[in-house]
Structure formats: structure tokens, C-alpha cells
Amino acid sequence: LYHAFTINELKKIVGKAGFKIIDVGYTKRDNKKPNIFLIAQKSQLKTYHL
């Protein structure tokens, strides 16, 4: 089974996973359907001290 994500679905999932979205959009491709791109950064790294 496959699912084609919309840009809004991807933004929601990535945000819930704790990432900060830096850029999102569509690729420009000649005579082809565009792909979605999303650049994100992990918001905060949790460190544990033993």
C-alpha cells in the first residue's frame, strides 16, 4: 500500500516528530510533475547524564 503525502500532511508529521521546518516547497522539473521537498532540523537534542 502506498500513500502520496500532501505538503500540509508532511509539515504536520514532521512538526509532530519534533523537527523545525526550515524550508518546504516543490521542485521545478521540465515537463514532469514536481516533487515535494522539505528541509528540517531537530528542534532540541535531549542529553542524558549518567
N, C-alpha and C. Protein backbone atom coordinates (compact mmCIF):
# COMPACT_ATOMS: atom_id res chain seq x y z
N LEU A 1 0.82 -1.17 0.00
CA LEU A 1 0.00 0.00 0.00
C LEU A 1 0.88 1.25 0.00
N TYR A 2 0.53 2.23 -0.79
CA TYR A 2 1.29 3.47 -0.87
C TYR A 2 0.41 4.66 -0.52
N HIS A 3 1.04 5.72 -0.09
CA HIS A 3 0.32 6.95 0.18
C HIS A 3 1.14 8.12 -0.35
N ALA A 4 0.52 8.96 -1.14
CA ALA A 4 1.18 10.17 -1.64
C ALA A 4 0.83 11.30 -0.68
N PHE A 5 1.82 11.78 0.06
CA PHE A 5 1.59 12.84 1.04
C PHE A 5 1.40 14.19 0.36
N THR A 6 0.53 15.00 0.94
CA THR A 6 0.42 16.39 0.51
C THR A 6 1.46 17.18 1.30
N ILE A 7 1.73 18.37 0.86
CA ILE A 7 2.72 19.21 1.55
C ILE A 7 2.26 19.51 2.98
N ASN A 8 0.97 19.72 3.19
CA ASN A 8 0.46 20.00 4.53
C ASN A 8 0.54 18.78 5.44
N GLU A 9 0.31 17.59 4.90
CA GLU A 9 0.46 16.37 5.70
C GLU A 9 1.90 16.19 6.15
N LEU A 10 2.85 16.42 5.25
CA LEU A 10 4.26 16.29 5.60
C LEU A 10 4.66 17.29 6.68
N LYS A 11 4.22 18.54 6.53
CA LYS A 11 4.55 19.56 7.53
C LYS A 11 4.02 19.16 8.90
N LYS A 12 2.81 18.63 8.95
CA LYS A 12 2.20 18.23 10.22
C LYS A 12 2.96 17.06 10.86
N ILE A 13 3.30 16.06 10.08
CA ILE A 13 4.01 14.89 10.60
C ILE A 13 5.40 15.26 11.09
N VAL A 14 6.11 16.06 10.30
CA VAL A 14 7.47 16.46 10.67
C VAL A 14 7.45 17.32 11.93
N GLY A 15 6.48 18.20 12.04
CA GLY A 15 6.34 19.03 13.24
C GLY A 15 6.04 18.21 14.48
N LYS A 16 5.16 17.21 14.35
CA LYS A 16 4.83 16.34 15.49
C LYS A 16 6.02 15.50 15.92
N ALA A 17 6.92 15.22 14.98
CA ALA A 17 8.11 14.42 15.29
C ALA A 17 9.19 15.25 15.98
N GLY A 18 8.94 16.54 16.17
CA GLY A 18 9.88 17.38 16.90
C GLY A 18 10.88 18.13 16.04
N PHE A 19 10.62 18.25 14.76
CA PHE A 19 11.52 18.95 13.87
C PHE A 19 11.03 20.36 13.61
N LYS A 20 11.97 21.27 13.39
CA LYS A 20 11.66 22.64 13.00
C LYS A 20 11.82 22.73 11.48
N ILE A 21 10.77 23.12 10.78
CA ILE A 21 10.82 23.20 9.33
C ILE A 21 11.56 24.47 8.92
N ILE A 22 12.59 24.30 8.11
CA ILE A 22 13.39 25.41 7.62
C ILE A 22 12.88 25.88 6.26
N ASP A 23 12.57 24.93 5.38
CA ASP A 23 12.07 25.28 4.04
C ASP A 23 11.23 24.13 3.52
N VAL A 24 10.23 24.45 2.74
CA VAL A 24 9.37 23.44 2.13
C VAL A 24 8.85 24.00 0.82
N GLY A 25 8.69 23.13 -0.16
CA GLY A 25 8.19 23.60 -1.45
C GLY A 25 8.16 22.48 -2.46
N TYR A 26 8.11 22.86 -3.71
CA TYR A 26 8.06 21.91 -4.82
C TYR A 26 9.29 22.10 -5.71
N THR A 27 9.80 20.99 -6.24
CA THR A 27 10.92 21.07 -7.17
C THR A 27 10.41 21.55 -8.52
N LYS A 28 11.29 22.14 -9.29
CA LYS A 28 10.95 22.57 -10.65
C LYS A 28 11.57 21.56 -11.61
N ARG A 29 10.71 20.89 -12.36
CA ARG A 29 11.17 19.88 -13.30
C ARG A 29 10.51 20.12 -14.65
N ASP A 30 11.31 20.14 -15.69
CA ASP A 30 10.78 20.36 -17.04
C ASP A 30 9.91 19.19 -17.48
N ASN A 31 8.70 19.49 -17.85
CA ASN A 31 7.76 18.52 -18.42
C ASN A 31 7.46 17.33 -17.50
N LYS A 32 7.68 17.46 -16.23
CA LYS A 32 7.37 16.38 -15.29
C LYS A 32 6.63 16.97 -14.10
N LYS A 33 5.93 16.11 -13.39
CA LYS A 33 5.25 16.56 -12.18
C LYS A 33 6.30 16.90 -11.12
N PRO A 34 6.09 17.96 -10.34
CA PRO A 34 7.08 18.34 -9.32
C PRO A 34 7.06 17.40 -8.12
N ASN A 35 8.17 17.32 -7.44
CA ASN A 35 8.28 16.61 -6.17
C ASN A 35 8.23 17.61 -5.04
N ILE A 36 7.79 17.14 -3.88
CA ILE A 36 7.81 17.97 -2.68
C ILE A 36 9.19 17.84 -2.04
N PHE A 37 9.75 18.95 -1.56
CA PHE A 37 10.97 18.88 -0.75
C PHE A 37 10.69 19.53 0.59
N LEU A 38 11.35 19.04 1.62
CA LEU A 38 11.19 19.57 2.96
C LEU A 38 12.54 19.49 3.66
N ILE A 39 13.01 20.62 4.17
CA ILE A 39 14.27 20.68 4.91
C ILE A 39 13.91 21.02 6.35
N ALA A 40 14.39 20.18 7.27
CA ALA A 40 14.04 20.37 8.68
C ALA A 40 15.24 20.10 9.57
N GLN A 41 15.16 20.63 10.78
CA GLN A 41 16.22 20.46 11.77
C GLN A 41 15.58 20.00 13.07
N LYS A 42 16.23 19.06 13.73
CA LYS A 42 15.73 18.59 15.02
C LYS A 42 15.74 19.75 15.98
N SER A 43 14.62 20.01 16.64
CA SER A 43 14.46 21.19 17.50
C SER A 43 15.45 21.21 18.66
N GLN A 44 15.42 20.19 19.47
CA GLN A 44 16.33 20.14 20.62
C GLN A 44 16.76 18.70 20.81
N LEU A 45 18.04 18.54 21.08
CA LEU A 45 18.55 17.21 21.39
C LEU A 45 18.52 17.02 22.89
N LYS A 46 17.97 15.92 23.31
CA LYS A 46 17.93 15.62 24.74
C LYS A 46 19.22 14.89 25.11
N THR A 47 19.89 15.38 26.11
CA THR A 47 21.11 14.73 26.57
C THR A 47 20.86 14.12 27.94
N TYR A 48 21.45 13.00 28.16
CA TYR A 48 21.28 12.30 29.42
C TYR A 48 22.65 12.15 30.08
N HIS A 49 22.72 12.51 31.33
CA HIS A 49 23.97 12.38 32.08
C HIS A 49 23.85 11.18 33.00
N LEU A 50 24.86 10.33 32.94
CA LEU A 50 24.87 9.13 33.79
C LEU A 50 25.66 9.35 35.04
